[in-house]
């Protein structure tokens, strides 16, 4: 079974029902267990998802979204090593760096994001939701 990291953009595309990106992202989150993949995300990714969901859809919806995601996805912890790796990296965006090093330290096989350019320094394969679905 392969492990795929789902970043915050993909999760928010589903929760906030972003028309251009919703379909592919939702398909990933609804893949059956026998798809050959387990999916994960990072603790702070869920914090970001909660923040934006609360801002756009309200506190109750935000909590329900986090409950559902934390049941559906393996949630990766972050520690001082993750943060220090992110700080020392060449990533332009600190949040993306933390997501990347949480994923790398967990040994993920790939990262699914809407913004591949944010992971240009990645040593892990990075795919959009559409690209990932085309590999199945």
N, C-alpha and C. Protein backbone atom coordinates (compact mmCIF):
# COMPACT_ATOMS: atom_id res chain seq x y z
N UNK A 1 0.85 -1.18 0.00
CA UNK A 1 0.00 0.00 0.00
C UNK A 1 0.90 1.24 0.00
N UNK A 2 0.66 2.16 -0.92
CA UNK A 2 1.43 3.39 -0.99
C UNK A 2 0.77 4.46 -0.12
N UNK A 3 1.61 5.40 0.31
CA UNK A 3 1.13 6.50 1.15
C UNK A 3 1.25 7.81 0.37
N UNK A 4 0.13 8.52 0.24
CA UNK A 4 0.10 9.79 -0.48
C UNK A 4 -0.29 10.91 0.48
N UNK A 5 0.47 11.99 0.43
CA UNK A 5 0.21 13.17 1.26
C UNK A 5 -0.70 14.12 0.50
N UNK A 6 -1.76 14.58 1.14
CA UNK A 6 -2.68 15.54 0.54
C UNK A 6 -2.47 16.89 1.22
N UNK A 7 -2.11 17.90 0.43
CA UNK A 7 -1.84 19.20 1.04
C UNK A 7 -3.13 20.01 1.22
N UNK A 8 -2.98 21.14 1.87
CA UNK A 8 -4.14 21.94 2.27
C UNK A 8 -4.99 22.43 1.10
N UNK A 9 -4.37 22.77 -0.02
CA UNK A 9 -5.15 23.27 -1.15
C UNK A 9 -6.17 22.25 -1.64
N UNK A 10 -5.75 21.00 -1.71
CA UNK A 10 -6.65 19.95 -2.19
C UNK A 10 -7.80 19.74 -1.21
N UNK A 11 -7.50 19.75 0.07
CA UNK A 11 -8.56 19.58 1.07
C UNK A 11 -9.53 20.75 1.04
N UNK A 12 -9.00 21.96 0.93
CA UNK A 12 -9.86 23.15 0.89
C UNK A 12 -10.68 23.21 -0.39
N UNK A 13 -10.15 22.69 -1.49
CA UNK A 13 -10.92 22.65 -2.73
C UNK A 13 -12.22 21.88 -2.54
N UNK A 14 -12.17 20.82 -1.75
CA UNK A 14 -13.37 20.02 -1.49
C UNK A 14 -14.28 20.72 -0.49
N UNK A 15 -13.72 21.09 0.64
CA UNK A 15 -14.55 21.65 1.71
C UNK A 15 -15.21 22.96 1.31
N UNK A 16 -14.45 23.80 0.59
CA UNK A 16 -15.00 25.10 0.18
C UNK A 16 -15.70 25.03 -1.17
N UNK A 17 -15.76 23.81 -1.73
CA UNK A 17 -16.46 23.57 -2.99
C UNK A 17 -16.00 24.53 -4.09
N UNK A 18 -14.69 24.58 -4.29
CA UNK A 18 -14.12 25.44 -5.33
C UNK A 18 -14.38 24.79 -6.68
N UNK A 19 -15.24 25.42 -7.49
CA UNK A 19 -15.76 24.78 -8.70
C UNK A 19 -14.71 24.21 -9.65
N UNK A 20 -13.67 24.94 -9.92
CA UNK A 20 -12.67 24.48 -10.89
C UNK A 20 -11.92 23.25 -10.41
N UNK A 21 -11.76 23.10 -9.11
CA UNK A 21 -10.89 22.06 -8.56
C UNK A 21 -11.62 20.98 -7.78
N UNK A 22 -12.90 21.19 -7.49
CA UNK A 22 -13.64 20.29 -6.60
C UNK A 22 -13.65 18.84 -7.07
N UNK A 23 -13.99 18.60 -8.30
CA UNK A 23 -14.25 17.25 -8.79
C UNK A 23 -13.09 16.29 -8.57
N UNK A 24 -11.91 16.65 -9.04
CA UNK A 24 -10.76 15.75 -8.91
C UNK A 24 -10.37 15.56 -7.45
N UNK A 25 -10.40 16.63 -6.69
CA UNK A 25 -10.03 16.53 -5.27
C UNK A 25 -11.02 15.65 -4.51
N UNK A 26 -12.30 15.81 -4.78
CA UNK A 26 -13.33 15.00 -4.13
C UNK A 26 -13.20 13.53 -4.51
N UNK A 27 -12.85 13.26 -5.76
CA UNK A 27 -12.67 11.87 -6.19
C UNK A 27 -11.56 11.20 -5.39
N UNK A 28 -10.49 11.92 -5.12
CA UNK A 28 -9.39 11.34 -4.34
C UNK A 28 -9.86 10.99 -2.93
N UNK A 29 -10.57 11.91 -2.31
CA UNK A 29 -11.02 11.67 -0.94
C UNK A 29 -12.07 10.57 -0.85
N UNK A 30 -12.66 10.22 -1.98
CA UNK A 30 -13.68 9.16 -1.95
C UNK A 30 -13.18 7.84 -2.54
N UNK A 31 -11.87 7.74 -2.78
CA UNK A 31 -11.33 6.49 -3.32
C UNK A 31 -11.53 5.36 -2.32
N UNK A 32 -11.82 4.18 -2.81
CA UNK A 32 -12.00 3.03 -1.90
C UNK A 32 -10.67 2.61 -1.28
N UNK A 33 -10.78 1.88 -0.21
CA UNK A 33 -9.59 1.41 0.52
C UNK A 33 -8.71 0.55 -0.38
N UNK A 34 -9.30 -0.17 -1.31
CA UNK A 34 -8.51 -1.05 -2.18
C UNK A 34 -7.90 -0.32 -3.39
N UNK A 35 -7.81 1.00 -3.32
CA UNK A 35 -7.23 1.78 -4.42
C UNK A 35 -5.72 1.60 -4.51
N UNK A 36 -5.12 1.03 -3.45
CA UNK A 36 -3.67 0.88 -3.41
C UNK A 36 -2.98 2.00 -2.68
N UNK A 37 -3.76 2.95 -2.18
CA UNK A 37 -3.20 4.11 -1.47
C UNK A 37 -3.86 4.32 -0.13
N UNK A 38 -3.04 4.73 0.82
CA UNK A 38 -3.51 5.34 2.05
C UNK A 38 -3.17 6.81 1.92
N UNK A 39 -3.98 7.65 2.52
CA UNK A 39 -3.79 9.09 2.39
C UNK A 39 -3.51 9.71 3.75
N UNK A 40 -2.68 10.74 3.73
CA UNK A 40 -2.32 11.41 4.97
C UNK A 40 -2.24 12.91 4.75
N UNK A 41 -2.16 13.63 5.84
CA UNK A 41 -1.93 15.07 5.84
C UNK A 41 -1.22 15.40 7.14
N UNK A 42 -0.87 16.66 7.33
CA UNK A 42 -0.13 17.07 8.53
C UNK A 42 -1.06 17.77 9.52
N UNK A 43 -0.63 17.78 10.77
CA UNK A 43 -1.40 18.45 11.82
C UNK A 43 -1.69 19.89 11.44
N UNK A 44 -0.65 20.63 11.07
CA UNK A 44 -0.89 22.05 10.79
C UNK A 44 -1.73 22.26 9.54
N UNK A 45 -1.75 21.28 8.64
CA UNK A 45 -2.61 21.37 7.47
C UNK A 45 -4.07 21.40 7.94
N UNK A 46 -4.39 20.55 8.89
CA UNK A 46 -5.76 20.55 9.42
C UNK A 46 -6.07 21.86 10.16
N UNK A 47 -5.07 22.43 10.81
CA UNK A 47 -5.27 23.73 11.47
C UNK A 47 -5.59 24.80 10.42
N UNK A 48 -4.85 24.79 9.32
CA UNK A 48 -5.12 25.75 8.24
C UNK A 48 -6.50 25.52 7.63
N UNK A 49 -6.85 24.26 7.41
CA UNK A 49 -8.16 23.94 6.86
C UNK A 49 -9.26 24.45 7.80
N UNK A 50 -9.08 24.23 9.08
CA UNK A 50 -10.06 24.72 10.06
C UNK A 50 -10.18 26.24 9.97
N UNK A 51 -9.07 26.94 9.94
CA UNK A 51 -9.07 28.40 9.89
C UNK A 51 -9.87 28.91 8.69
N UNK A 52 -9.55 28.41 7.49
CA UNK A 52 -10.21 28.90 6.29
C UNK A 52 -11.67 28.45 6.21
N UNK A 53 -11.95 27.26 6.69
CA UNK A 53 -13.34 26.79 6.68
C UNK A 53 -14.18 27.63 7.65
N UNK A 54 -13.65 27.89 8.82
CA UNK A 54 -14.36 28.73 9.80
C UNK A 54 -14.62 30.11 9.22
N UNK A 55 -13.63 30.66 8.57
CA UNK A 55 -13.73 32.01 7.98
C UNK A 55 -14.82 32.07 6.90
N UNK A 56 -14.92 31.02 6.10
CA UNK A 56 -15.86 31.03 4.97
C UNK A 56 -17.21 30.37 5.25
N UNK A 57 -17.21 29.36 6.12
CA UNK A 57 -18.44 28.58 6.31
C UNK A 57 -18.93 28.51 7.75
N UNK A 58 -18.17 29.05 8.68
CA UNK A 58 -18.58 29.06 10.07
C UNK A 58 -17.89 28.01 10.92
N UNK A 59 -17.93 28.24 12.23
CA UNK A 59 -17.21 27.40 13.20
C UNK A 59 -17.71 25.96 13.24
N UNK A 60 -19.02 25.78 13.18
CA UNK A 60 -19.57 24.43 13.27
C UNK A 60 -19.15 23.58 12.07
N UNK A 61 -19.23 24.16 10.90
CA UNK A 61 -18.81 23.45 9.68
C UNK A 61 -17.33 23.13 9.73
N UNK A 62 -16.54 24.06 10.26
CA UNK A 62 -15.09 23.85 10.36
C UNK A 62 -14.77 22.65 11.25
N UNK A 63 -15.41 22.57 12.38
CA UNK A 63 -15.18 21.45 13.30
C UNK A 63 -15.61 20.14 12.67
N UNK A 64 -16.77 20.13 12.02
CA UNK A 64 -17.25 18.90 11.37
C UNK A 64 -16.29 18.46 10.27
N UNK A 65 -15.75 19.41 9.52
CA UNK A 65 -14.78 19.07 8.47
C UNK A 65 -13.53 18.44 9.05
N UNK A 66 -13.03 18.98 10.14
CA UNK A 66 -11.82 18.44 10.76
C UNK A 66 -12.10 17.06 11.35
N UNK A 67 -13.25 16.86 11.95
CA UNK A 67 -13.62 15.54 12.46
C UNK A 67 -13.60 14.51 11.34
N UNK A 68 -14.22 14.85 10.22
CA UNK A 68 -14.28 13.93 9.09
C UNK A 68 -12.89 13.65 8.52
N UNK A 69 -12.11 14.70 8.30
CA UNK A 69 -10.77 14.52 7.73
C UNK A 69 -9.86 13.72 8.65
N UNK A 70 -9.96 13.97 9.95
CA UNK A 70 -9.07 13.25 10.88
C UNK A 70 -9.44 11.78 11.00
N UNK A 71 -10.66 11.42 10.65
CA UNK A 71 -11.06 10.01 10.61
C UNK A 71 -10.63 9.37 9.29
N UNK A 72 -10.69 10.14 8.22
CA UNK A 72 -10.45 9.62 6.89
C UNK A 72 -8.97 9.56 6.52
N UNK A 73 -8.17 10.47 7.08
CA UNK A 73 -6.75 10.57 6.73
C UNK A 73 -5.86 10.23 7.92
N UNK A 74 -4.72 9.67 7.63
CA UNK A 74 -3.69 9.53 8.67
C UNK A 74 -3.12 10.92 8.91
N UNK A 75 -3.07 11.35 10.15
CA UNK A 75 -2.57 12.68 10.47
C UNK A 75 -1.14 12.58 10.97
N UNK A 76 -0.23 13.22 10.24
CA UNK A 76 1.19 13.18 10.56
C UNK A 76 1.55 14.25 11.57
N UNK A 77 2.32 13.86 12.57
CA UNK A 77 2.80 14.82 13.55
C UNK A 77 3.95 15.65 13.01
N UNK A 78 4.17 16.75 13.65
CA UNK A 78 5.29 17.62 13.30
C UNK A 78 6.05 17.89 14.58
N UNK A 79 7.36 17.93 14.46
CA UNK A 79 8.19 18.16 15.63
C UNK A 79 9.27 19.17 15.30
N UNK A 80 10.19 19.36 16.23
CA UNK A 80 11.27 20.34 16.03
C UNK A 80 12.11 20.01 14.81
N UNK A 81 12.32 18.74 14.54
CA UNK A 81 13.10 18.35 13.36
C UNK A 81 12.40 18.80 12.09
N UNK A 82 11.08 18.59 12.02
CA UNK A 82 10.30 19.03 10.86
C UNK A 82 10.44 20.53 10.67
N UNK A 83 10.28 21.28 11.73
CA UNK A 83 10.36 22.74 11.67
C UNK A 83 11.76 23.19 11.28
N UNK A 84 12.78 22.60 11.90
CA UNK A 84 14.16 22.98 11.57
C UNK A 84 14.51 22.64 10.13
N UNK A 85 14.05 21.49 9.65
CA UNK A 85 14.27 21.13 8.24
C UNK A 85 13.60 22.16 7.32
N UNK A 86 12.40 22.57 7.68
CA UNK A 86 11.68 23.56 6.87
C UNK A 86 12.40 24.90 6.85
N UNK A 87 12.88 25.32 8.01
CA UNK A 87 13.61 26.59 8.10
C UNK A 87 14.88 26.56 7.26
N UNK A 88 15.58 25.45 7.30
CA UNK A 88 16.86 25.33 6.59
C UNK A 88 16.71 25.06 5.09
N UNK A 89 15.49 24.83 4.65
CA UNK A 89 15.27 24.43 3.25
C UNK A 89 15.26 25.64 2.32
N UNK A 90 15.22 25.32 1.03
CA UNK A 90 15.13 26.35 -0.01
C UNK A 90 13.70 26.65 -0.42
N UNK A 91 12.73 26.12 0.32
CA UNK A 91 11.33 26.40 0.01
C UNK A 91 11.05 27.87 0.27
N UNK A 92 10.32 28.50 -0.65
CA UNK A 92 9.98 29.92 -0.48
C UNK A 92 8.87 30.11 0.55
N UNK A 93 7.97 29.14 0.64
CA UNK A 93 6.83 29.25 1.54
C UNK A 93 7.04 28.31 2.72
N UNK A 94 7.06 28.85 3.92
CA UNK A 94 7.32 28.06 5.12
C UNK A 94 6.27 26.97 5.31
N UNK A 95 5.01 27.30 5.10
CA UNK A 95 3.94 26.30 5.27
C UNK A 95 4.15 25.11 4.34
N UNK A 96 4.48 25.38 3.09
CA UNK A 96 4.73 24.29 2.15
C UNK A 96 5.95 23.47 2.59
N UNK A 97 6.95 24.14 3.12
CA UNK A 97 8.14 23.44 3.59
C UNK A 97 7.80 22.51 4.75
N UNK A 98 6.97 22.97 5.67
CA UNK A 98 6.58 22.13 6.81
C UNK A 98 5.78 20.93 6.31
N UNK A 99 4.85 21.17 5.39
CA UNK A 99 4.08 20.05 4.83
C UNK A 99 5.02 19.06 4.16
N UNK A 100 5.95 19.57 3.38
CA UNK A 100 6.89 18.71 2.67
C UNK A 100 7.71 17.86 3.64
N UNK A 101 8.29 18.48 4.67
CA UNK A 101 9.13 17.71 5.58
C UNK A 101 8.33 16.78 6.48
N UNK A 102 7.09 17.12 6.79
CA UNK A 102 6.23 16.17 7.51
C UNK A 102 6.01 14.94 6.63
N UNK A 103 5.76 15.19 5.34
CA UNK A 103 5.55 14.09 4.40
C UNK A 103 6.83 13.28 4.21
N UNK A 104 7.93 13.95 4.01
CA UNK A 104 9.20 13.26 3.78
C UNK A 104 9.59 12.42 4.99
N UNK A 105 9.46 12.98 6.17
CA UNK A 105 9.83 12.25 7.39
C UNK A 105 8.93 11.05 7.64
N UNK A 106 7.73 11.06 7.07
CA UNK A 106 6.80 9.93 7.20
C UNK A 106 7.02 8.89 6.10
N UNK A 107 7.89 9.20 5.15
CA UNK A 107 8.18 8.25 4.08
C UNK A 107 7.09 8.14 3.03
N UNK A 108 6.39 9.24 2.75
CA UNK A 108 5.32 9.16 1.76
C UNK A 108 5.88 8.88 0.37
N UNK A 109 5.03 8.33 -0.47
CA UNK A 109 5.42 7.99 -1.84
C UNK A 109 5.18 9.13 -2.82
N UNK A 110 4.23 10.01 -2.49
CA UNK A 110 3.97 11.15 -3.36
C UNK A 110 3.16 12.20 -2.61
N UNK A 111 3.18 13.41 -3.18
CA UNK A 111 2.43 14.53 -2.63
C UNK A 111 1.40 14.96 -3.67
N UNK A 112 0.17 15.19 -3.20
CA UNK A 112 -0.89 15.67 -4.09
C UNK A 112 -1.20 17.11 -3.69
N UNK A 113 -1.08 18.00 -4.66
CA UNK A 113 -1.28 19.43 -4.43
C UNK A 113 -1.87 20.07 -5.67
N UNK A 114 -2.40 21.26 -5.52
CA UNK A 114 -2.83 22.01 -6.69
C UNK A 114 -1.69 22.87 -7.22
N UNK A 115 -0.71 23.13 -6.38
CA UNK A 115 0.37 24.05 -6.74
C UNK A 115 1.71 23.33 -6.78
N UNK A 116 1.97 22.63 -7.86
CA UNK A 116 3.21 21.86 -8.00
C UNK A 116 4.43 22.76 -7.84
N UNK A 117 4.34 23.98 -8.33
CA UNK A 117 5.49 24.89 -8.27
C UNK A 117 5.93 25.16 -6.83
N UNK A 118 5.01 25.03 -5.88
CA UNK A 118 5.36 25.24 -4.47
C UNK A 118 6.31 24.18 -3.95
N UNK A 119 6.39 23.05 -4.67
CA UNK A 119 7.23 21.93 -4.24
C UNK A 119 8.37 21.67 -5.23
N UNK A 120 8.85 22.72 -5.87
CA UNK A 120 9.88 22.53 -6.90
C UNK A 120 11.17 21.93 -6.34
N UNK A 121 11.40 22.04 -5.05
CA UNK A 121 12.60 21.47 -4.43
C UNK A 121 12.37 20.07 -3.86
N UNK A 122 11.23 19.50 -4.15
CA UNK A 122 10.86 18.20 -3.60
C UNK A 122 11.66 17.06 -4.22
N UNK A 123 12.04 16.13 -3.38
CA UNK A 123 12.65 14.88 -3.86
C UNK A 123 11.61 13.78 -3.93
N UNK A 124 10.38 14.11 -3.55
CA UNK A 124 9.24 13.20 -3.59
C UNK A 124 8.41 13.58 -4.82
N UNK A 125 7.90 12.62 -5.59
CA UNK A 125 7.04 12.98 -6.72
C UNK A 125 5.85 13.84 -6.26
N UNK A 126 5.54 14.87 -7.03
CA UNK A 126 4.46 15.79 -6.72
C UNK A 126 3.50 15.82 -7.91
N UNK A 127 2.21 15.59 -7.64
CA UNK A 127 1.20 15.54 -8.69
C UNK A 127 0.00 16.42 -8.31
N UNK A 128 -0.67 16.93 -9.33
CA UNK A 128 -1.98 17.55 -9.07
C UNK A 128 -2.99 16.43 -8.84
N UNK A 129 -4.15 16.80 -8.38
CA UNK A 129 -5.21 15.80 -8.18
C UNK A 129 -5.55 15.11 -9.50
N UNK A 130 -5.61 15.88 -10.57
CA UNK A 130 -5.93 15.31 -11.88
C UNK A 130 -4.84 14.34 -12.34
N UNK A 131 -3.60 14.75 -12.17
CA UNK A 131 -2.48 13.88 -12.56
C UNK A 131 -2.50 12.58 -11.76
N UNK A 132 -2.76 12.70 -10.46
CA UNK A 132 -2.82 11.50 -9.61
C UNK A 132 -3.91 10.56 -10.10
N UNK A 133 -5.10 11.08 -10.35
CA UNK A 133 -6.20 10.23 -10.80
C UNK A 133 -5.87 9.53 -12.10
N UNK A 134 -5.09 10.18 -12.97
CA UNK A 134 -4.70 9.56 -14.24
C UNK A 134 -3.71 8.41 -14.06
N UNK A 135 -3.13 8.28 -12.88
CA UNK A 135 -2.18 7.18 -12.63
C UNK A 135 -2.89 5.92 -12.15
N UNK A 136 -4.14 6.04 -11.78
CA UNK A 136 -4.88 4.88 -11.22
C UNK A 136 -5.36 3.96 -12.30
